[in-house]
Structures are given as C-alpha cells and as structure tokens.
Amino acid sequence: MNSKQFKSGAKAFVEMGILKRGYVPQAEADNRAKVCASCAHNKTDRISLMLTIMEALVGKETKYDNALGVCDLCECVLPALVHASAHLVDTTHIEKYPQTCWKHTL
C-alpha cells in the first residue's frame, strides 16, 4: 500500500466509520458489490482484522458481502468501499482496473 492509498483509506475510515457520512444510496452500493463479487481482483482469501473492523464501523451491508474481500489493485476493504461516496474512492491508476469496474463511472 502506498502513501496515497493509505491517506485515502484513512479519510474514508474517519468519514464513514466515525462521522457516519460519505455513503452512496443502498441501490448503488448493491450494484457496486455485485460487480466486485464477480471480479478476479476480489481476494476473499485476504480476510483480515481491517476487513472486520471496517465492516463493523461502516455498519452497512449488501447481499453480496459474503462474497467480498479485499481488492488486490487498490487494497481496499470491499464491503466498506462499495458504500463510499465518489470523493472517498481512490481512482489512481484507473487504467489498471477492468473495464467492468464501477470506479470507471466516477
């Protein structure tokens, strides 16, 4: 994880986990989660303490949460990321993401 990714994650952690703001509507989060659940970059074998903490702090769910892990491109915790407003989502190196990734729409 580089420093830009760390800063982006820390900002999202504060806004979503502590201030309880910066969320997209549930339908948008569900659509994003569906895309991530079927993506090859979704690594469910990388379940970590951070994943558990972010899920608990964000406190929001989608029906795809059981299929979400960590993105191996941005190292984001997907069950939290899919709920994040555009200003909290890091799109650095967007060209590396598959064309099916919802980040291309931001």
N, C-alpha and C. Protein backbone atom coordinates (compact mmCIF):
# COMPACT_ATOMS: atom_id res chain seq x y z
N MET A 1 0.85 -1.17 0.00
CA MET A 1 0.00 0.00 0.00
C MET A 1 0.90 1.24 0.00
N ASN A 2 0.66 2.14 -0.94
CA ASN A 2 1.46 3.35 -0.99
C ASN A 2 0.84 4.43 -0.09
N SER A 3 1.52 5.55 0.04
CA SER A 3 1.07 6.60 0.96
C SER A 3 -0.25 7.22 0.51
N LYS A 4 -0.47 7.36 -0.80
CA LYS A 4 -1.73 7.92 -1.29
C LYS A 4 -2.89 6.99 -0.94
N GLN A 5 -2.70 5.69 -1.12
CA GLN A 5 -3.73 4.73 -0.77
C GLN A 5 -4.01 4.76 0.74
N PHE A 6 -2.95 4.87 1.53
CA PHE A 6 -3.12 4.93 2.97
C PHE A 6 -3.93 6.16 3.38
N LYS A 7 -3.59 7.32 2.81
CA LYS A 7 -4.30 8.55 3.13
C LYS A 7 -5.77 8.47 2.71
N SER A 8 -6.02 7.91 1.54
CA SER A 8 -7.38 7.75 1.05
C SER A 8 -8.18 6.83 1.99
N GLY A 9 -7.56 5.74 2.39
CA GLY A 9 -8.22 4.81 3.31
C GLY A 9 -8.48 5.42 4.67
N ALA A 10 -7.53 6.21 5.16
CA ALA A 10 -7.69 6.88 6.46
C ALA A 10 -8.84 7.89 6.41
N LYS A 11 -8.93 8.63 5.31
CA LYS A 11 -10.01 9.61 5.16
C LYS A 11 -11.37 8.90 5.14
N ALA A 12 -11.45 7.81 4.40
CA ALA A 12 -12.69 7.05 4.34
C ALA A 12 -13.03 6.47 5.72
N PHE A 13 -12.02 5.98 6.42
CA PHE A 13 -12.21 5.43 7.76
C PHE A 13 -12.84 6.47 8.68
N VAL A 14 -12.31 7.69 8.67
CA VAL A 14 -12.83 8.74 9.53
C VAL A 14 -14.25 9.14 9.11
N GLU A 15 -14.44 9.42 7.82
CA GLU A 15 -15.75 9.89 7.37
C GLU A 15 -16.84 8.84 7.56
N MET A 16 -16.55 7.62 7.13
CA MET A 16 -17.58 6.59 7.16
C MET A 16 -17.70 5.91 8.52
N GLY A 17 -16.56 5.62 9.12
CA GLY A 17 -16.57 4.86 10.36
C GLY A 17 -16.85 5.68 11.60
N ILE A 18 -16.37 6.92 11.62
CA ILE A 18 -16.51 7.74 12.81
C ILE A 18 -17.60 8.80 12.64
N LEU A 19 -17.54 9.55 11.53
CA LEU A 19 -18.51 10.62 11.31
C LEU A 19 -19.82 10.14 10.73
N LYS A 20 -19.84 8.90 10.24
CA LYS A 20 -21.04 8.27 9.69
C LYS A 20 -21.64 9.08 8.53
N ARG A 21 -20.76 9.47 7.61
CA ARG A 21 -21.21 10.17 6.41
C ARG A 21 -20.36 9.71 5.23
N GLY A 22 -20.74 10.14 4.03
CA GLY A 22 -19.96 9.78 2.85
C GLY A 22 -20.43 8.50 2.20
N TYR A 23 -21.71 8.19 2.36
CA TYR A 23 -22.26 6.96 1.80
C TYR A 23 -23.04 7.22 0.51
N VAL A 24 -23.04 6.24 -0.38
CA VAL A 24 -23.91 6.28 -1.56
C VAL A 24 -25.23 5.62 -1.19
N PRO A 25 -26.28 5.81 -2.00
CA PRO A 25 -27.55 5.13 -1.73
C PRO A 25 -27.38 3.61 -1.77
N GLN A 26 -28.24 2.91 -1.05
CA GLN A 26 -28.13 1.45 -0.94
C GLN A 26 -28.14 0.76 -2.30
N ALA A 27 -28.98 1.20 -3.22
CA ALA A 27 -29.06 0.57 -4.54
C ALA A 27 -27.73 0.66 -5.28
N GLU A 28 -27.06 1.80 -5.15
CA GLU A 28 -25.75 1.96 -5.80
C GLU A 28 -24.71 1.05 -5.15
N ALA A 29 -24.73 0.96 -3.83
CA ALA A 29 -23.80 0.06 -3.12
C ALA A 29 -24.05 -1.38 -3.53
N ASP A 30 -25.31 -1.78 -3.68
CA ASP A 30 -25.64 -3.14 -4.11
C ASP A 30 -25.10 -3.42 -5.51
N ASN A 31 -25.27 -2.46 -6.42
CA ASN A 31 -24.76 -2.64 -7.78
C ASN A 31 -23.24 -2.75 -7.80
N ARG A 32 -22.57 -1.91 -7.03
CA ARG A 32 -21.11 -1.96 -6.95
C ARG A 32 -20.65 -3.31 -6.38
N ALA A 33 -21.32 -3.76 -5.32
CA ALA A 33 -20.96 -5.02 -4.68
C ALA A 33 -21.12 -6.20 -5.64
N LYS A 34 -22.15 -6.16 -6.45
CA LYS A 34 -22.38 -7.22 -7.43
C LYS A 34 -21.22 -7.29 -8.41
N VAL A 35 -20.74 -6.13 -8.87
CA VAL A 35 -19.61 -6.06 -9.79
C VAL A 35 -18.35 -6.61 -9.10
N CYS A 36 -18.09 -6.15 -7.90
CA CYS A 36 -16.89 -6.59 -7.18
C CYS A 36 -16.92 -8.08 -6.87
N ALA A 37 -18.07 -8.60 -6.54
CA ALA A 37 -18.18 -10.02 -6.17
C ALA A 37 -17.74 -10.93 -7.30
N SER A 38 -17.95 -10.50 -8.54
CA SER A 38 -17.59 -11.34 -9.68
C SER A 38 -16.23 -10.98 -10.30
N CYS A 39 -15.52 -10.03 -9.70
CA CYS A 39 -14.24 -9.56 -10.25
C CYS A 39 -13.09 -10.45 -9.80
N ALA A 40 -12.16 -10.69 -10.72
CA ALA A 40 -10.97 -11.50 -10.40
C ALA A 40 -10.05 -10.83 -9.40
N HIS A 41 -10.18 -9.52 -9.22
CA HIS A 41 -9.32 -8.79 -8.27
C HIS A 41 -9.88 -8.79 -6.84
N ASN A 42 -11.06 -9.35 -6.66
CA ASN A 42 -11.68 -9.52 -5.34
C ASN A 42 -11.03 -10.72 -4.68
N LYS A 43 -10.24 -10.49 -3.66
CA LYS A 43 -9.49 -11.57 -3.00
C LYS A 43 -10.10 -11.86 -1.63
N THR A 44 -10.92 -12.88 -1.59
CA THR A 44 -11.59 -13.25 -0.34
C THR A 44 -10.66 -14.02 0.59
N ASP A 45 -9.51 -14.43 0.09
CA ASP A 45 -8.54 -15.12 0.96
C ASP A 45 -7.70 -14.14 1.77
N ARG A 46 -7.94 -12.86 1.57
CA ARG A 46 -7.19 -11.84 2.31
C ARG A 46 -8.04 -11.25 3.45
N ILE A 47 -8.87 -12.07 4.03
CA ILE A 47 -9.68 -11.62 5.14
C ILE A 47 -8.75 -11.22 6.27
N SER A 48 -8.97 -10.05 6.79
CA SER A 48 -8.05 -9.52 7.78
C SER A 48 -8.80 -8.83 8.91
N LEU A 49 -8.06 -8.45 9.91
CA LEU A 49 -8.64 -7.70 11.01
C LEU A 49 -9.21 -6.38 10.49
N MET A 50 -8.52 -5.74 9.53
CA MET A 50 -9.00 -4.47 8.97
C MET A 50 -10.35 -4.66 8.30
N LEU A 51 -10.54 -5.78 7.61
CA LEU A 51 -11.82 -6.07 6.97
C LEU A 51 -12.92 -6.11 8.02
N THR A 52 -12.69 -6.81 9.09
CA THR A 52 -13.67 -6.94 10.15
C THR A 52 -13.97 -5.59 10.80
N ILE A 53 -12.92 -4.81 11.05
CA ILE A 53 -13.10 -3.50 11.68
C ILE A 53 -13.89 -2.56 10.78
N MET A 54 -13.52 -2.47 9.50
CA MET A 54 -14.22 -1.56 8.58
C MET A 54 -15.68 -1.96 8.39
N GLU A 55 -15.95 -3.25 8.28
CA GLU A 55 -17.34 -3.69 8.14
C GLU A 55 -18.15 -3.25 9.36
N ALA A 56 -17.58 -3.43 10.54
CA ALA A 56 -18.28 -3.07 11.77
C ALA A 56 -18.49 -1.56 11.89
N LEU A 57 -17.49 -0.78 11.54
CA LEU A 57 -17.59 0.67 11.65
C LEU A 57 -18.55 1.26 10.65
N VAL A 58 -18.51 0.78 9.42
CA VAL A 58 -19.40 1.31 8.39
C VAL A 58 -20.84 0.94 8.73
N GLY A 59 -21.05 -0.28 9.18
CA GLY A 59 -22.37 -0.69 9.63
C GLY A 59 -23.41 -0.83 8.54
N LYS A 60 -22.99 -0.94 7.31
CA LYS A 60 -23.92 -1.11 6.20
C LYS A 60 -23.61 -2.43 5.52
N GLU A 61 -24.59 -2.99 4.84
CA GLU A 61 -24.42 -4.29 4.21
C GLU A 61 -25.03 -4.30 2.82
N THR A 62 -24.59 -5.29 2.04
CA THR A 62 -25.24 -5.62 0.77
C THR A 62 -25.45 -7.13 0.80
N LYS A 63 -26.26 -7.62 -0.12
CA LYS A 63 -26.49 -9.07 -0.15
C LYS A 63 -25.28 -9.83 -0.70
N TYR A 64 -24.27 -9.11 -1.15
CA TYR A 64 -23.05 -9.73 -1.69
C TYR A 64 -21.89 -9.73 -0.71
N ASP A 65 -22.08 -9.21 0.49
CA ASP A 65 -20.98 -9.06 1.45
C ASP A 65 -20.21 -10.35 1.70
N ASN A 66 -20.90 -11.48 1.73
CA ASN A 66 -20.21 -12.75 1.99
C ASN A 66 -19.24 -13.12 0.87
N ALA A 67 -19.40 -12.51 -0.30
CA ALA A 67 -18.54 -12.81 -1.44
C ALA A 67 -17.45 -11.75 -1.63
N LEU A 68 -17.41 -10.77 -0.75
CA LEU A 68 -16.44 -9.66 -0.90
C LEU A 68 -15.28 -9.82 0.07
N GLY A 69 -14.11 -9.40 -0.41
CA GLY A 69 -12.91 -9.42 0.41
C GLY A 69 -12.15 -8.12 0.27
N VAL A 70 -10.95 -8.19 -0.28
CA VAL A 70 -10.08 -7.04 -0.48
C VAL A 70 -9.72 -6.96 -1.96
N CYS A 71 -9.76 -5.76 -2.53
CA CYS A 71 -9.35 -5.57 -3.92
C CYS A 71 -7.83 -5.65 -4.00
N ASP A 72 -7.32 -6.49 -4.88
CA ASP A 72 -5.85 -6.60 -4.96
C ASP A 72 -5.22 -5.48 -5.80
N LEU A 73 -6.03 -4.59 -6.36
CA LEU A 73 -5.48 -3.44 -7.09
C LEU A 73 -5.32 -2.23 -6.17
N CYS A 74 -6.34 -1.93 -5.40
CA CYS A 74 -6.28 -0.74 -4.53
C CYS A 74 -6.11 -1.10 -3.05
N GLU A 75 -6.23 -2.40 -2.74
CA GLU A 75 -6.11 -2.90 -1.37
C GLU A 75 -7.21 -2.38 -0.46
N CYS A 76 -8.35 -2.03 -1.04
CA CYS A 76 -9.48 -1.54 -0.27
C CYS A 76 -10.31 -2.70 0.27
N VAL A 77 -10.94 -2.46 1.39
CA VAL A 77 -11.86 -3.41 2.01
C VAL A 77 -13.20 -3.25 1.28
N LEU A 78 -13.52 -4.21 0.42
CA LEU A 78 -14.66 -4.07 -0.48
C LEU A 78 -16.02 -3.92 0.21
N PRO A 79 -16.32 -4.64 1.30
CA PRO A 79 -17.63 -4.43 1.92
C PRO A 79 -17.84 -3.00 2.42
N ALA A 80 -16.76 -2.27 2.67
CA ALA A 80 -16.87 -0.86 3.04
C ALA A 80 -16.80 0.03 1.80
N LEU A 81 -15.88 -0.27 0.89
CA LEU A 81 -15.66 0.57 -0.29
C LEU A 81 -16.92 0.75 -1.14
N VAL A 82 -17.70 -0.29 -1.29
CA VAL A 82 -18.88 -0.19 -2.16
C VAL A 82 -19.90 0.83 -1.66
N HIS A 83 -19.80 1.23 -0.40
CA HIS A 83 -20.71 2.22 0.18
C HIS A 83 -20.16 3.64 0.12
N ALA A 84 -18.92 3.81 -0.30
CA ALA A 84 -18.24 5.11 -0.23
C ALA A 84 -18.64 6.07 -1.35
N SER A 85 -18.84 7.33 -0.97
CA SER A 85 -19.09 8.38 -1.95
C SER A 85 -17.86 8.56 -2.83
N ALA A 86 -18.07 9.11 -4.02
CA ALA A 86 -17.00 9.25 -5.01
C ALA A 86 -15.78 9.99 -4.46
N HIS A 87 -15.97 11.01 -3.63
CA HIS A 87 -14.82 11.78 -3.13
C HIS A 87 -13.94 10.97 -2.19
N LEU A 88 -14.41 9.81 -1.75
CA LEU A 88 -13.62 8.95 -0.86
C LEU A 88 -12.93 7.80 -1.59
N VAL A 89 -13.24 7.64 -2.87
CA VAL A 89 -12.73 6.49 -3.63
C VAL A 89 -11.48 6.90 -4.41
N ASP A 90 -10.41 6.16 -4.19
CA ASP A 90 -9.14 6.41 -4.87
C ASP A 90 -9.21 5.82 -6.28
N THR A 91 -9.04 6.67 -7.29
CA THR A 91 -9.05 6.19 -8.67
C THR A 91 -7.68 6.33 -9.33
N THR A 92 -6.64 6.38 -8.49
CA THR A 92 -5.28 6.40 -9.01
C THR A 92 -5.05 5.14 -9.84
N HIS A 93 -4.42 5.30 -10.97
CA HIS A 93 -4.12 4.17 -11.87
C HIS A 93 -5.39 3.45 -12.33
N ILE A 94 -6.43 4.20 -12.61
CA ILE A 94 -7.70 3.61 -13.04
C ILE A 94 -7.53 2.75 -14.29
N GLU A 95 -6.49 3.03 -15.07
CA GLU A 95 -6.26 2.25 -16.29
C GLU A 95 -5.94 0.79 -15.99
N LYS A 96 -5.55 0.47 -14.77
CA LYS A 96 -5.25 -0.91 -14.39
C LYS A 96 -6.51 -1.72 -14.06
N TYR A 97 -7.60 -1.02 -13.84
CA TYR A 97 -8.84 -1.69 -13.45
C TYR A 97 -9.57 -2.23 -14.68
N PRO A 98 -10.25 -3.37 -14.54
CA PRO A 98 -11.01 -3.91 -15.67
C PRO A 98 -12.09 -2.90 -16.10
N GLN A 99 -12.46 -2.93 -17.35
CA GLN A 99 -13.47 -2.01 -17.85
C GLN A 99 -14.82 -2.21 -17.16
N THR A 100 -15.03 -3.35 -16.57
CA THR A 100 -16.29 -3.62 -15.86
C THR A 100 -16.33 -2.99 -14.47
N CYS A 101 -15.20 -2.45 -13.99
CA CYS A 101 -15.14 -1.88 -12.65
C CYS A 101 -15.97 -0.61 -12.56
N TRP A 102 -16.74 -0.50 -11.50
CA TRP A 102 -17.61 0.66 -11.31
C TRP A 102 -16.81 1.95 -11.06
N LYS A 103 -15.54 1.83 -10.72
CA LYS A 103 -14.73 3.04 -10.49
C LYS A 103 -14.58 3.86 -11.78
N HIS A 104 -14.75 3.24 -12.93
CA HIS A 104 -14.66 3.97 -14.20
C HIS A 104 -15.82 4.96 -14.36
N THR A 105 -16.87 4.81 -13.59
CA THR A 105 -18.03 5.70 -13.71
C THR A 105 -17.92 6.92 -12.80
N LEU A 106 -16.86 6.99 -12.00
CA LEU A 106 -16.74 8.12 -11.05
C LEU A 106 -16.13 9.34 -11.73
